[in-house]
Amino acid sequence: MRYPGYQGTVEIDARLARRLVDSQFPRWAGLPVRPVDLDGWDNRTFRLGDGLTVRLPSGDWYALQVDKEQRWLPVLAPELPLPVPTPVARGVPEHGYPYPWSVHRWLDGRPALVAGMGDATTFATDLARFLVALRRVDATGGPAPGEHNFHRGAPVTAYGDELFAAVEALGAEVPRDEVLTTWDEATATAWRDRPVWFHGDVALGNLLVSDGRLSAVIDFGTSGVGDPACDVVIAWTALSGDARDAFRRTLDLDAATWARGRGWALWKALISLVAALERDEDGDGHRRVVRRVLADRA
């Protein structure tokens, strides 16, 4: 498959992963390469044998994340209560593929998007405890928001133009006044504390479940140090009721950070709804997130 921003001359598929591994890491040449349950968009992931994964960026910006993960995942892993990917090798461009790439340790479990969360309140509590531990890791020298992570951890105002354009495009699809009031509250404050570590893409596809419990957190491509409000978005994309309450209580962030998290969720849901309607899709999932965000504010 070809991806927007991809500058290579070959398809990113298992055959490419096989060729790259065989030529650069011959010690793994005998290991089978096969797809994973839920493949990524920013990075294509393939399982290598039983204990490794091959991670191939699908575009210029995503390639910026390779060196960050190589540098910082080994620092984060020992400090966290759940397993996270750990790199064991760094590949270089070859065979018409233009980017650096990684080999990581395989983590057992299935994405919660596929396997479900199990007990939602337990899942939400375990996730919040992980994010609290992540925030407590020493952030000295960590990667500040920028192109490498699409400005996660920066003020959500970075995406204000996109949100306003989406509101105009959607018209009566969304309650304009409520949306803009929620956005105003989200952008009225900023993170004033020291920068802290955040994941940047806390979504069910990046959360692994084993035996009905959260067992690992993957895909740190959008991680960095800054404002952790972007990690709150899952409160409206996947959680509700007691589970959302437990998540917020355990996460222990102030009301202003929670409001900025609503801003991140609202921006993403609105631009995703516009894109869905342009493709003649129903967009009901994105409408549901908008309703949850507005109801939570109310």
Protein backbone atom coordinates (compact mmCIF):
# COMPACT_ATOMS: atom_id res chain seq x y z
CA MET A 1 0.00 0.00 0.00
CA ARG A 2 1.10 3.58 -0.72
CA TYR A 3 0.75 6.25 1.97
CA PRO A 4 0.53 10.07 1.80
CA GLY A 5 4.03 11.44 2.24
CA TYR A 6 5.74 8.16 1.40
CA GLN A 7 8.78 8.84 -0.78
CA GLY A 8 9.93 5.29 -1.50
CA THR A 9 9.85 3.29 -4.72
CA VAL A 10 8.54 0.00 -3.26
CA GLU A 11 5.38 -1.12 -1.52
CA ILE A 12 5.57 -1.30 2.27
CA ASP A 13 4.68 -4.94 2.78
CA ALA A 14 5.97 -8.16 4.31
CA ARG A 15 8.21 -8.78 1.30
CA LEU A 16 10.00 -5.47 1.87
CA ALA A 17 10.37 -6.24 5.59
CA ARG A 18 11.83 -9.63 4.66
CA ARG A 19 14.40 -8.09 2.29
CA LEU A 20 15.46 -5.43 4.79
CA VAL A 21 15.90 -7.92 7.62
CA ASP A 22 17.78 -10.43 5.49
CA SER A 23 20.25 -7.89 4.12
CA GLN A 24 20.89 -5.89 7.31
CA PHE A 25 20.38 -8.44 10.10
CA PRO A 26 21.28 -11.85 8.68
CA ARG A 27 21.11 -13.41 12.17
CA TRP A 28 17.32 -13.12 11.86
CA ALA A 29 17.11 -14.22 8.23
CA GLY A 30 15.55 -17.56 9.19
CA LEU A 31 12.70 -16.03 11.19
CA PRO A 32 9.29 -15.77 9.50
CA VAL A 33 7.79 -12.34 8.77
CA ARG A 34 4.01 -12.08 9.08
CA PRO A 35 1.30 -9.44 9.58
CA VAL A 36 0.01 -8.41 13.01
CA ASP A 37 -3.62 -8.28 14.17
CA LEU A 38 -3.98 -4.54 13.75
CA ASP A 39 -1.53 -2.88 11.42
CA GLY A 40 -0.66 0.79 11.82
CA TRP A 41 -0.89 3.80 9.52
CA ASP A 42 2.03 5.91 10.76
CA ASN A 43 4.18 2.79 10.82
CA ARG A 44 3.64 -0.61 9.23
CA THR A 45 4.37 -3.37 11.72
CA PHE A 46 5.25 -6.99 11.02
CA ARG A 47 6.00 -9.81 13.42
CA LEU A 48 9.50 -11.28 13.09
CA GLY A 49 9.65 -14.75 14.53
CA ASP A 50 8.02 -15.14 17.94
CA GLY A 51 9.93 -12.46 19.82
CA LEU A 52 10.43 -9.44 17.54
CA THR A 53 8.60 -6.88 15.40
CA VAL A 54 9.70 -4.89 12.37
CA ARG A 55 8.46 -1.28 12.39
CA LEU A 56 8.59 0.63 9.07
CA PRO A 57 7.62 4.35 8.99
CA SER A 58 5.15 5.16 6.21
CA GLY A 59 6.13 8.79 5.60
CA ASP A 60 8.64 11.57 6.16
CA TRP A 61 7.23 12.85 9.46
CA TYR A 62 6.85 9.36 10.93
CA ALA A 63 10.47 8.61 10.11
CA LEU A 64 11.43 11.40 12.53
CA GLN A 65 10.15 9.19 15.35
CA VAL A 66 12.65 6.36 14.87
CA ASP A 67 15.63 7.96 16.58
CA LYS A 68 13.41 9.26 19.38
CA GLU A 69 12.11 5.78 20.15
CA GLN A 70 15.59 4.30 19.91
CA ARG A 71 16.88 6.89 22.39
CA TRP A 72 14.06 7.12 24.90
CA LEU A 73 12.13 3.84 25.07
CA PRO A 74 14.99 2.10 26.92
CA VAL A 75 14.92 4.99 29.42
CA LEU A 76 11.15 4.84 29.94
CA ALA A 77 10.67 1.07 30.08
CA PRO A 78 12.22 0.38 33.52
CA GLU A 79 10.17 3.17 35.12
CA LEU A 80 6.73 2.02 33.97
CA PRO A 81 4.28 -0.48 35.50
CA LEU A 82 3.44 -2.12 32.16
CA PRO A 83 5.67 -3.33 29.33
CA VAL A 84 6.39 -0.94 26.45
CA PRO A 85 8.27 -1.61 23.20
CA THR A 86 12.04 -1.77 23.51
CA PRO A 87 14.21 -1.42 20.39
CA VAL A 88 16.88 -4.02 19.71
CA ALA A 89 18.14 -2.78 16.31
CA ARG A 90 18.00 0.22 13.99
CA GLY A 91 17.80 -0.32 10.26
CA VAL A 92 18.83 2.04 7.46
CA PRO A 93 17.29 2.93 4.05
CA GLU A 94 17.71 0.22 1.43
CA HIS A 95 15.94 -1.57 -1.43
CA GLY A 96 14.02 1.57 -2.47
CA TYR A 97 12.78 2.19 1.07
CA PRO A 98 13.99 5.68 2.10
CA TYR A 99 13.69 5.78 5.90
CA PRO A 100 15.39 4.47 9.02
CA TRP A 101 13.42 1.69 10.68
CA SER A 102 13.40 -0.37 13.85
CA VAL A 103 13.26 -3.87 15.25
CA HIS A 104 11.50 -4.03 18.64
CA ARG A 105 10.80 -6.76 21.16
CA TRP A 106 7.43 -8.42 20.65
CA LEU A 107 4.85 -7.79 23.38
CA ASP A 108 2.15 -10.37 24.06
CA GLY A 109 -1.48 -9.32 24.01
CA ARG A 110 -4.08 -8.15 21.51
CA PRO A 111 -5.14 -4.55 20.86
CA ALA A 112 -8.12 -3.53 22.97
CA LEU A 113 -9.72 -2.29 19.74
CA VAL A 114 -9.91 -5.95 18.68
CA ALA A 115 -10.07 -7.84 21.98
CA GLY A 116 -12.15 -5.40 24.03
CA MET A 117 -11.25 -3.77 27.34
CA GLY A 118 -12.57 -6.45 29.68
CA ASP A 119 -13.96 -4.68 32.75
CA ALA A 120 -13.96 -1.06 31.56
CA THR A 121 -13.48 0.48 35.01
CA THR A 122 -10.51 -1.75 35.81
CA PHE A 123 -9.06 -1.05 32.37
CA ALA A 124 -9.48 2.72 32.83
CA THR A 125 -7.88 2.62 36.28
CA ASP A 126 -4.90 0.57 35.09
CA LEU A 127 -4.40 2.92 32.14
CA ALA A 128 -4.53 6.02 34.35
CA ARG A 129 -1.96 4.50 36.72
CA PHE A 130 0.32 3.88 33.75
CA LEU A 131 -0.03 7.49 32.59
CA VAL A 132 0.64 8.80 36.09
CA ALA A 133 3.84 6.72 36.22
CA LEU A 134 4.81 8.03 32.79
CA ARG A 135 4.36 11.63 33.96
CA ARG A 136 6.66 10.94 36.91
CA VAL A 137 9.61 9.80 34.78
CA ASP A 138 12.40 12.37 34.70
CA ALA A 139 11.72 14.48 31.60
CA THR A 140 15.10 16.22 31.52
CA GLY A 141 16.30 16.45 27.93
CA GLY A 142 13.21 14.72 26.58
CA PRO A 143 11.77 15.56 23.14
CA ALA A 144 9.73 18.77 23.13
CA PRO A 145 6.62 19.03 20.92
CA GLY A 146 7.31 19.45 17.23
CA GLU A 147 6.94 17.88 13.79
CA HIS A 148 8.10 14.51 15.10
CA ASN A 149 4.87 14.13 17.10
CA PHE A 150 2.50 16.50 15.30
CA HIS A 151 2.80 19.00 18.16
CA ARG A 152 1.28 16.76 20.83
CA GLY A 153 2.14 18.28 24.19
CA ALA A 154 1.98 21.83 22.81
CA PRO A 155 -1.05 24.11 23.30
CA VAL A 156 -4.04 22.74 21.41
CA THR A 157 -4.37 26.19 19.81
CA ALA A 158 -1.88 24.88 17.24
CA TYR A 159 -4.90 23.27 15.59
CA GLY A 160 -7.34 26.15 15.98
CA ASP A 161 -7.51 26.93 12.26
CA GLU A 162 -8.39 23.32 11.50
CA LEU A 163 -11.13 23.29 14.13
CA PHE A 164 -12.72 26.52 12.92
CA ALA A 165 -12.61 25.31 9.32
CA ALA A 166 -14.28 22.07 10.37
CA VAL A 167 -17.04 23.92 12.23
CA GLU A 168 -17.75 26.00 9.12
CA ALA A 169 -17.73 22.94 6.87
CA LEU A 170 -20.06 20.96 9.15
CA GLY A 171 -22.68 23.67 9.56
CA ALA A 172 -25.81 22.27 11.22
CA GLU A 173 -24.11 18.88 11.72
CA VAL A 174 -22.82 20.13 15.09
CA PRO A 175 -24.10 22.65 17.69
CA ARG A 176 -21.81 25.53 16.78
CA ASP A 177 -22.21 27.62 19.96
CA GLU A 178 -21.56 24.69 22.29
CA VAL A 179 -18.55 23.60 20.25
CA LEU A 180 -17.00 27.07 20.25
CA THR A 181 -17.65 27.57 23.97
CA THR A 182 -15.97 24.25 24.73
CA TRP A 183 -13.04 25.24 22.53
CA ASP A 184 -12.75 28.62 24.25
CA GLU A 185 -12.55 26.90 27.63
CA ALA A 186 -9.96 24.44 26.30
CA THR A 187 -7.73 27.22 25.02
CA ALA A 188 -8.15 29.60 27.97
CA THR A 189 -5.38 27.93 29.99
CA ALA A 190 -1.96 26.40 29.40
CA TRP A 191 0.25 23.89 31.18
CA ARG A 192 2.23 25.95 33.71
CA ASP A 193 4.05 23.15 35.49
CA ARG A 194 7.33 21.57 34.41
CA PRO A 195 7.11 19.55 31.17
CA VAL A 196 6.19 15.91 31.76
CA TRP A 197 6.25 12.78 29.65
CA PHE A 198 3.11 11.94 27.68
CA HIS A 199 2.28 9.13 25.25
CA GLY A 200 0.51 11.27 22.65
CA ASP A 201 -1.76 8.61 21.10
CA VAL A 202 -3.60 6.84 23.89
CA ALA A 203 -6.06 4.84 21.79
CA LEU A 204 -7.49 1.33 21.95
CA GLY A 205 -5.31 0.25 19.04
CA ASN A 206 -2.20 1.03 21.08
CA LEU A 207 -3.29 -0.68 24.30
CA LEU A 208 -2.76 -4.44 24.55
CA VAL A 209 -4.96 -6.74 26.58
CA SER A 210 -4.15 -10.20 27.96
CA ASP A 211 -6.50 -12.31 30.11
CA GLY A 212 -8.99 -9.44 30.19
CA ARG A 213 -6.56 -6.87 31.62
CA LEU A 214 -4.44 -4.09 30.17
CA SER A 215 -1.06 -5.74 29.65
CA ALA A 216 1.13 -3.38 27.57
CA VAL A 217 1.21 0.04 25.91
CA ILE A 218 2.68 0.37 22.42
CA ASP A 219 3.45 2.98 19.72
CA PHE A 220 5.33 5.84 21.35
CA GLY A 221 5.85 7.64 18.03
CA THR A 222 3.94 10.75 19.17
CA SER A 223 5.38 10.76 22.69
CA GLY A 224 7.31 13.66 24.14
CA VAL A 225 7.52 16.03 27.09
CA GLY A 226 5.14 18.93 27.61
CA ASP A 227 1.44 19.25 28.45
CA PRO A 228 -0.16 15.82 29.16
CA ALA A 229 -3.65 17.00 28.18
CA CYS A 230 -3.46 15.11 24.87
CA ASP A 231 -3.41 11.83 26.82
CA VAL A 232 -6.89 12.52 28.20
CA VAL A 233 -8.67 12.12 24.85
CA ILE A 234 -9.52 8.45 25.41
CA ALA A 235 -11.91 9.60 28.15
CA TRP A 236 -14.38 10.48 25.37
CA THR A 237 -13.34 8.20 22.53
CA ALA A 238 -13.58 4.94 24.51
CA LEU A 239 -14.73 5.50 28.12
CA SER A 240 -18.01 6.47 29.72
CA GLY A 241 -19.83 6.44 33.05
CA ASP A 242 -17.98 4.81 35.94
CA ALA A 243 -14.98 4.01 33.74
CA ARG A 244 -14.47 7.65 32.77
CA ASP A 245 -14.93 8.73 36.36
CA ALA A 246 -12.32 6.21 37.54
CA PHE A 247 -9.94 7.32 34.80
CA ARG A 248 -10.24 10.97 35.78
CA ARG A 249 -9.99 10.30 39.50
CA THR A 250 -6.88 8.12 39.14
CA LEU A 251 -5.24 10.39 36.57
CA ASP A 252 -5.37 13.22 39.13
CA LEU A 253 -5.14 16.16 36.73
CA ASP A 254 -6.67 19.57 37.40
CA ALA A 255 -9.87 20.80 35.78
CA ALA A 256 -7.98 23.04 33.35
CA THR A 257 -5.97 20.13 31.97
CA TRP A 258 -9.15 18.07 31.65
CA ALA A 259 -10.71 20.96 29.70
CA ARG A 260 -7.70 21.09 27.38
CA GLY A 261 -8.11 17.37 26.86
CA ARG A 262 -11.69 18.03 25.75
CA GLY A 263 -10.24 20.47 23.23
CA TRP A 264 -7.92 17.82 21.79
CA ALA A 265 -10.79 15.33 21.54
CA LEU A 266 -13.11 17.88 19.97
CA TRP A 267 -10.58 18.97 17.34
CA LYS A 268 -9.85 15.38 16.27
CA ALA A 269 -13.51 14.35 16.18
CA LEU A 270 -14.54 17.36 14.09
CA ILE A 271 -11.82 17.06 11.47
CA SER A 272 -12.42 13.29 11.32
CA LEU A 273 -16.15 13.87 10.81
CA VAL A 274 -15.44 16.25 7.94
CA ALA A 275 -13.16 13.67 6.33
CA ALA A 276 -15.75 10.91 6.80
CA LEU A 277 -18.51 12.94 5.18
CA GLU A 278 -16.25 13.80 2.26
CA ARG A 279 -15.81 10.05 1.72
CA ASP A 280 -19.60 9.52 1.95
CA GLU A 281 -19.23 7.64 5.24
CA ASP A 282 -21.73 8.07 8.08
CA GLY A 283 -19.26 9.42 10.67
CA ASP A 284 -21.41 8.24 13.57
CA GLY A 285 -18.40 7.39 15.74
CA HIS A 286 -17.05 10.91 15.42
CA ARG A 287 -20.47 12.44 16.14
CA ARG A 288 -20.63 10.31 19.28
CA VAL A 289 -17.29 11.69 20.50
CA VAL A 290 -18.50 15.26 19.91
CA ARG A 291 -21.66 14.56 21.91
CA ARG A 292 -19.67 13.01 24.76
CA VAL A 293 -17.28 15.96 24.93
CA LEU A 294 -20.11 18.52 24.97
CA ALA A 295 -22.09 16.54 27.54
CA ASP A 296 -19.03 16.23 29.78
CA ARG A 297 -18.49 19.98 29.71
CA ALA A 298 -22.18 20.59 30.51
